[in-house]
PDB file of N, CA and C in Angstrom:
ATOM      1  N   LEU A   1     167.816-107.775 -52.470  1.00  0.00           N
ATOM      2  CA  LEU A   1     167.801-108.386 -54.026  1.00  0.00           C
ATOM      3  C   LEU A   1     168.130-109.592 -54.239  1.00  0.00           C
ATOM      4  N   ILE A   2     167.206-110.489 -55.263  1.00  0.00           N
ATOM      5  CA  ILE A   2     166.698-111.757 -55.279  1.00  0.00           C
ATOM      6  C   ILE A   2     168.095-112.294 -55.643  1.00  0.00           C
ATOM      7  N   HIS A   3     168.816-112.995 -55.305  1.00  0.00           N
ATOM      8  CA  HIS A   3     169.478-113.859 -56.197  1.00  0.00           C
ATOM      9  C   HIS A   3     168.725-115.450 -56.507  1.00  0.00           C
ATOM     10  N   ALA A   4     169.377-115.568 -58.102  1.00  0.00           N
ATOM     11  CA  ALA A   4     168.755-117.940 -56.853  1.00  0.00           C
ATOM     12  C   ALA A   4     169.966-118.566 -57.886  1.00  0.00           C
ATOM     13  N   PHE A   5     170.121-119.653 -56.848  1.00  0.00           N
ATOM     14  CA  PHE A   5     170.735-120.978 -57.002  1.00  0.00           C
ATOM     15  C   PHE A   5     171.216-121.727 -57.912  1.00  0.00           C
ATOM     16  N   VAL A   6     171.648-122.299 -58.686  1.00  0.00           N
ATOM     17  CA  VAL A   6     170.946-122.997 -60.213  1.00  0.00           C
ATOM     18  C   VAL A   6     172.746-124.073 -59.925  1.00  0.00           C
ATOM     19  N   VAL A   7     171.303-125.417 -59.961  1.00  0.00           N
ATOM     20  CA  VAL A   7     172.220-127.092 -59.255  1.00  0.00           C
ATOM     21  C   VAL A   7     171.887-127.668 -61.355  1.00  0.00           C
ATOM     22  N   VAL A   8     173.437-126.858 -61.691  1.00  0.00           N
ATOM     23  CA  VAL A   8     172.550-128.021 -63.155  1.00  0.00           C
ATOM     24  C   VAL A   8     173.660-129.217 -63.101  1.00  0.00           C
ATOM     25  N   LYS A   9     172.485-130.000 -63.613  1.00  0.00           N
ATOM     26  CA  LYS A   9     172.432-131.482 -63.803  1.00  0.00           C
ATOM     27  C   LYS A   9     173.525-132.409 -64.884  1.00  0.00           C
ATOM     28  N   PRO A  10     174.020-133.258 -64.607  1.00  0.00           N
ATOM     29  CA  PRO A  10     175.335-133.619 -65.258  1.00  0.00           C
ATOM     30  C   PRO A  10     174.762-133.720 -66.948  1.00  0.00           C
ATOM     31  N   ASP A  11     175.395-133.209 -67.953  1.00  0.00           N
ATOM     32  CA  ASP A  11     174.911-133.413 -69.165  1.00  0.00           C
ATOM     33  C   ASP A  11     173.990-132.699 -69.561  1.00  0.00           C
ATOM     34  N   HIS A  12     173.870-131.205 -68.807  1.00  0.00           N
ATOM     35  CA  HIS A  12     172.890-130.339 -68.903  1.00  0.00           C
ATOM     36  C   HIS A  12     173.590-129.108 -68.957  1.00  0.00           C
ATOM     37  N   ALA A  13     173.117-128.049 -69.666  1.00  0.00           N
ATOM     38  CA  ALA A  13     173.854-126.926 -69.832  1.00  0.00           C
ATOM     39  C   ALA A  13     173.208-125.722 -69.946  1.00  0.00           C
ATOM     40  N   VAL A  14     172.659-124.866 -69.513  1.00  0.00           N
ATOM     41  CA  VAL A  14     171.486-123.524 -69.285  1.00  0.00           C
ATOM     42  C   VAL A  14     172.331-122.421 -68.769  1.00  0.00           C
ATOM     43  N   SER A  15     172.204-121.229 -69.223  1.00  0.00           N
ATOM     44  CA  SER A  15     172.414-120.059 -69.367  1.00  0.00           C
ATOM     45  C   SER A  15     172.524-119.610 -68.120  1.00  0.00           C
ATOM     46  N   SER A  16     172.909-118.046 -67.757  1.00  0.00           N
ATOM     47  CA  SER A  16     171.748-117.405 -66.585  1.00  0.00           C
ATOM     48  C   SER A  16     170.641-116.342 -67.517  1.00  0.00           C
ATOM     49  N   GLU A  17     170.906-116.186 -69.107  1.00  0.00           N
ATOM     50  CA  GLU A  17     170.389-116.248 -69.926  1.00  0.00           C
ATOM     51  C   GLU A  17     168.825-116.827 -69.545  1.00  0.00           C
ATOM     52  N   GLN A  18     168.755-117.709 -70.185  1.00  0.00           N
ATOM     53  CA  GLN A  18     167.943-118.872 -70.025  1.00  0.00           C
ATOM     54  C   GLN A  18     166.973-118.670 -68.310  1.00  0.00           C
ATOM     55  N   VAL A  19     167.531-118.518 -67.359  1.00  0.00           N
ATOM     56  CA  VAL A  19     166.726-118.938 -66.105  1.00  0.00           C
ATOM     57  C   VAL A  19     166.100-117.791 -65.574  1.00  0.00           C
ATOM     58  N   LEU A  20     167.053-116.665 -66.549  1.00  0.00           N
ATOM     59  CA  LEU A  20     166.400-115.377 -66.706  1.00  0.00           C
ATOM     60  C   LEU A  20     164.696-115.314 -67.023  1.00  0.00           C
ATOM     61  N   ALA A  21     165.012-115.518 -68.829  1.00  0.00           N
ATOM     62  CA  ALA A  21     164.287-115.221 -69.181  1.00  0.00           C
ATOM     63  C   ALA A  21     162.785-116.622 -68.288  1.00  0.00           C
ATOM     64  N   HIS A  22     163.333-117.761 -67.951  1.00  0.00           N
ATOM     65  CA  HIS A  22     162.197-118.889 -67.804  1.00  0.00           C
ATOM     66  C   HIS A  22     161.490-117.708 -66.753  1.00  0.00           C
ATOM     67  N   CYS A  23     162.510-117.488 -65.241  1.00  0.00           N
ATOM     68  CA  CYS A  23     161.254-116.582 -64.119  1.00  0.00           C
ATOM     69  C   CYS A  23     160.461-115.574 -64.664  1.00  0.00           C
ATOM     70  N   ALA A  24     161.346-115.043 -65.831  1.00  0.00           N
ATOM     71  CA  ALA A  24     160.313-113.581 -66.627  1.00  0.00           C
ATOM     72  C   ALA A  24     158.395-113.876 -66.871  1.00  0.00           C
ATOM     73  N   LYS A  25     158.847-115.905 -67.429  1.00  0.00           N
ATOM     74  CA  LYS A  25     157.360-116.394 -68.209  1.00  0.00           C
ATOM     75  C   LYS A  25     156.474-116.073 -67.112  1.00  0.00           C
ATOM     76  N   ALA A  26     157.424-117.068 -65.284  1.00  0.00           N
ATOM     77  CA  ALA A  26     156.789-117.603 -64.307  1.00  0.00           C
ATOM     78  C   ALA A  26     156.946-116.566 -63.592  1.00  0.00           C
ATOM     79  N   LEU A  27     157.307-115.730 -62.561  1.00  0.00           N
ATOM     80  CA  LEU A  27     156.886-115.119 -61.809  1.00  0.00           C
ATOM     81  C   LEU A  27     156.508-114.007 -61.968  1.00  0.00           C
ATOM     82  N   ALA A  28     155.620-112.886 -61.337  1.00  0.00           N
ATOM     83  CA  ALA A  28     155.713-112.042 -61.045  1.00  0.00           C
ATOM     84  C   ALA A  28     157.851-111.034 -61.010  1.00  0.00           C
ATOM     85  N   SER A  29     156.659-109.908 -61.562  1.00  0.00           N
ATOM     86  CA  SER A  29     158.107-108.743 -62.075  1.00  0.00           C
ATOM     87  C   SER A  29     159.255-108.456 -60.790  1.00  0.00           C
ATOM     88  N   PHE A  30     158.177-108.546 -59.670  1.00  0.00           N
ATOM     89  CA  PHE A  30     159.036-108.312 -57.896  1.00  0.00           C
ATOM     90  C   PHE A  30     159.144-109.799 -57.500  1.00  0.00           C
ATOM     91  N   LYS A  31     159.525-110.896 -58.044  1.00  0.00           N
ATOM     92  CA  LYS A  31     159.228-112.696 -57.175  1.00  0.00           C
ATOM     93  C   LYS A  31     160.808-112.943 -58.285  1.00  0.00           C
ATOM     94  N   ARG A  32     161.052-111.747 -59.677  1.00  0.00           N
ATOM     95  CA  ARG A  32     162.287-112.080 -60.363  1.00  0.00           C
ATOM     96  C   ARG A  32     163.990-111.529 -59.849  1.00  0.00           C
ATOM     97  N   PRO A  33     164.140-112.888 -59.273  1.00  0.00           N
ATOM     98  CA  PRO A  33     165.944-112.933 -59.581  1.00  0.00           C
ATOM     99  C   PRO A  33     166.410-111.463 -59.875  1.00  0.00           C
ATOM    100  N   LYS A  34     167.917-111.137 -59.777  1.00  0.00           N
ATOM    101  CA  LYS A  34     167.813-110.099 -60.598  1.00  0.00           C
ATOM    102  C   LYS A  34     170.168-110.655 -61.063  1.00  0.00           C
ATOM    103  N   ALA A  35     169.733-111.913 -60.519  1.00  0.00           N
ATOM    104  CA  ALA A  35     171.226-112.211 -60.909  1.00  0.00           C
ATOM    105  C   ALA A  35     170.776-113.602 -60.075  1.00  0.00           C
ATOM    106  N   VAL A  36     171.776-114.576 -61.189  1.00  0.00           N
ATOM    107  CA  VAL A  36     171.901-115.869 -61.409  1.00  0.00           C
ATOM    108  C   VAL A  36     173.391-116.633 -60.559  1.00  0.00           C
ATOM    109  N   HIS A  37     173.325-117.233 -59.852  1.00  0.00           N
ATOM    110  CA  HIS A  37     175.058-118.219 -59.610  1.00  0.00           C
ATOM    111  C   HIS A  37     174.175-119.320 -59.821  1.00  0.00           C
ATOM    112  N   PHE A  38     175.565-119.745 -60.290  1.00  0.00           N
ATOM    113  CA  PHE A  38     175.785-121.619 -60.471  1.00  0.00           C
ATOM    114  C   PHE A  38     176.850-122.376 -59.869  1.00  0.00           C
ATOM    115  N   ILE A  39     175.999-122.876 -58.845  1.00  0.00           N
ATOM    116  CA  ILE A  39     176.605-124.346 -57.588  1.00  0.00           C
ATOM    117  C   ILE A  39     176.327-125.556 -57.271  1.00  0.00           C
ATOM    118  N   ASP A  40     177.739-126.631 -57.315  1.00  0.00           N
ATOM    119  CA  ASP A  40     177.990-127.465 -57.638  1.00  0.00           C
ATOM    120  C   ASP A  40     176.887-128.348 -56.566  1.00  0.00           C
ATOM    121  N   ALA A  41     176.205-128.148 -55.477  1.00  0.00           N
ATOM    122  CA  ALA A  41     175.390-128.732 -54.601  1.00  0.00           C
ATOM    123  C   ALA A  41     174.895-127.669 -53.721  1.00  0.00           C
ATOM    124  N   MET A  42     174.089-128.027 -53.272  1.00  0.00           N
ATOM    125  CA  MET A  42     173.053-126.921 -52.354  1.00  0.00           C
ATOM    126  C   MET A  42     173.168-127.151 -50.807  1.00  0.00           C
ATOM    127  N   PRO A  43     174.407-126.435 -49.999  1.00  0.00           N
ATOM    128  CA  PRO A  43     173.845-126.582 -48.605  1.00  0.00           C
ATOM    129  C   PRO A  43     172.911-127.230 -48.207  1.00  0.00           C
ATOM    130  N   LEU A  44     172.643-128.276 -47.758  1.00  0.00           N
ATOM    131  CA  LEU A  44     172.136-128.760 -47.262  1.00  0.00           C
ATOM    132  C   LEU A  44     171.629-129.471 -45.780  1.00  0.00           C
ATOM    133  N   THR A  45     170.731-129.133 -44.753  1.00  0.00           N
ATOM    134  CA  THR A  45     170.657-130.102 -43.532  1.00  0.00           C
ATOM    135  C   THR A  45     171.025-130.831 -43.302  1.00  0.00           C
ATOM    136  N   GLY A  46     171.635-131.788 -41.864  1.00  0.00           N
ATOM    137  CA  GLY A  46     170.582-133.312 -41.683  1.00  0.00           C
ATOM    138  C   GLY A  46     169.594-133.388 -42.220  1.00  0.00           C
ATOM    139  N   SER A  47     168.238-132.616 -42.011  1.00  0.00           N
ATOM    140  CA  SER A  47     167.115-133.109 -42.909  1.00  0.00           C
ATOM    141  C   SER A  47     166.945-132.643 -43.917  1.00  0.00           C
ATOM    142  N   GLY A  48     167.035-132.680 -44.329  1.00  0.00           N
ATOM    143  CA  GLY A  48     167.587-132.469 -46.067  1.00  0.00           C
ATOM    144  C   GLY A  48     166.247-130.693 -46.847  1.00  0.00           C
ATOM    145  N   LYS A  49     167.074-129.622 -46.207  1.00  0.00           N
ATOM    146  CA  LYS A  49     166.510-128.305 -45.661  1.00  0.00           C
ATOM    147  C   LYS A  49     167.311-127.667 -46.397  1.00  0.00           C
ATOM    148  N   ILE A  50     167.563-126.906 -46.793  1.00  0.00           N
ATOM    149  CA  ILE A  50     168.317-125.915 -47.896  1.00  0.00           C
ATOM    150  C   ILE A  50     168.966-125.472 -46.327  1.00  0.00           C
ATOM    151  N   ARG A  51     170.541-125.323 -46.750  1.00  0.00           N
ATOM    152  CA  ARG A  51     171.440-123.752 -45.274  1.00  0.00           C
ATOM    153  C   ARG A  51     170.814-122.954 -45.873  1.00  0.00           C
ATOM    154  N   ARG A  52     170.228-122.020 -46.409  1.00  0.00           N
ATOM    155  CA  ARG A  52     170.094-120.226 -46.931  1.00  0.00           C
ATOM    156  C   ARG A  52     171.163-119.498 -46.119  1.00  0.00           C
ATOM    157  N   VAL A  53     171.543-120.283 -45.202  1.00  0.00           N
ATOM    158  CA  VAL A  53     172.000-118.791 -44.043  1.00  0.00           C
ATOM    159  C   VAL A  53     173.369-119.184 -45.174  1.00  0.00           C
ATOM    160  N   GLU A  54     174.003-120.647 -45.095  1.00  0.00           N
ATOM    161  CA  GLU A  54     175.033-120.622 -45.856  1.00  0.00           C
ATOM    162  C   GLU A  54     175.802-120.339 -47.114  1.00  0.00           C
ATOM    163  N   LEU A  55     173.668-119.558 -48.081  1.00  0.00           N
ATOM    164  CA  LEU A  55     174.506-119.218 -49.758  1.00  0.00           C
ATOM    165  C   LEU A  55     174.324-118.025 -48.844  1.00  0.00           C
ATOM    166  N   ARG A  56     173.903-116.954 -47.965  1.00  0.00           N
ATOM    167  CA  ARG A  56     174.093-115.650 -47.581  1.00  0.00           C
ATOM    168  C   ARG A  56     175.172-115.310 -46.956  1.00  0.00           C
ATOM    169  N   GLU A  57     175.548-115.784 -46.309  1.00  0.00           N
ATOM    170  CA  GLU A  57     177.757-116.247 -45.954  1.00  0.00           C
ATOM    171  C   GLU A  57     178.766-115.695 -47.545  1.00  0.00           C
ATOM    172  N   TRP A  58     177.803-116.626 -48.171  1.00  0.00           N
ATOM    173  CA  TRP A  58     178.583-117.195 -49.540  1.00  0.00           C
ATOM    174  C   TRP A  58     178.901-115.531 -50.599  1.00  0.00           C
ATOM    175  N   LEU A  59     177.431-115.263 -50.692  1.00  0.00           N
ATOM    176  CA  LEU A  59     176.985-114.544 -51.273  1.00  0.00           C
ATOM    177  C   LEU A  59     177.804-112.946 -51.043  1.00  0.00           C
ATOM    178  N   ALA A  60     178.076-113.221 -49.827  1.00  0.00           N
ATOM    179  CA  ALA A  60     178.560-111.674 -48.071  1.00  0.00           C
ATOM    180  C   ALA A  60     180.173-111.440 -48.958  1.00  0.00           C
ATOM    181  N   SER A  61     180.737-113.476 -49.595  1.00  0.00           N
ATOM    182  CA  SER A  61     182.293-113.387 -48.756  1.00  0.00           C
ATOM    183  C   SER A  61     182.501-112.967 -50.154  1.00  0.00           C
ATOM    184  N   LYS A  62     180.976-113.283 -51.640  1.00  0.00           N
ATOM    185  CA  LYS A  62     181.521-112.657 -52.860  1.00  0.00           C
ATOM    186  C   LYS A  62     182.062-111.203 -52.807  1.00  0.00           C
ATOM    187  N   ALA A  63     179.728-110.530 -52.557  1.00  0.00           N
ATOM    188  CA  ALA A  63     180.723-108.329 -52.216  1.00  0.00           C
ATOM    189  C   ALA A  63     181.661-108.777 -51.631  1.00  0.00           C
ATOM    190  N   GLN A  64     182.410-109.781 -50.710  1.00  0.00           N
ATOM    191  CA  GLN A  64     183.467-108.848 -50.289  1.00  0.00           C
ATOM    192  C   GLN A  64     185.205-108.775 -50.947  1.00  0.00           C
ATOM    193  N   GLN A  65     184.885-109.558 -51.798  1.00  0.00           N
ATOM    194  CA  GLN A  65     186.428-110.585 -52.722  1.00  0.00           C
ATOM    195  C   GLN A  65     185.988-108.877 -53.351  1.00  0.00           C
ATOM    196  N   ARG A  66     184.904-108.322 -53.689  1.00  0.00           N
ATOM    197  CA  ARG A  66     184.794-107.737 -54.885  1.00  0.00           C
ATOM    198  C   ARG A  66     184.823-106.632 -54.738  1.00  0.00           C
ATOM    199  N   ILE A  67     184.457-105.585 -53.863  1.00  0.00           N
ATOM    200  CA  ILE A  67     185.531-104.447 -52.245  1.00  0.00           C
ATOM    201  C   ILE A  67     186.882-104.210 -53.264  1.00  0.00           C
ATOM    202  N   ALA A  68     187.146-105.368 -52.164  1.00  0.00           N
ATOM    203  CA  ALA A  68     188.976-105.173 -51.699  1.00  0.00           C
ATOM    204  C   ALA A  68     189.257-105.919 -52.561  1.00  0.00           C
TER     205      ALA A  68
END
């Protein structure tokens, strides 16, 4: 399952439907996200790369909360 993590700039508004519609126009169907998550900031490493492990852990903890 593909998830999109979005950081919205201050004074801007975007909905998950808008993100999914944009992806539908720009991406092949197998590359489109099925869920959109809005976060305050991307977790970054010291060299500025996105810490994908932290995003996966965040998703896992969110899934655990739904189960409990």
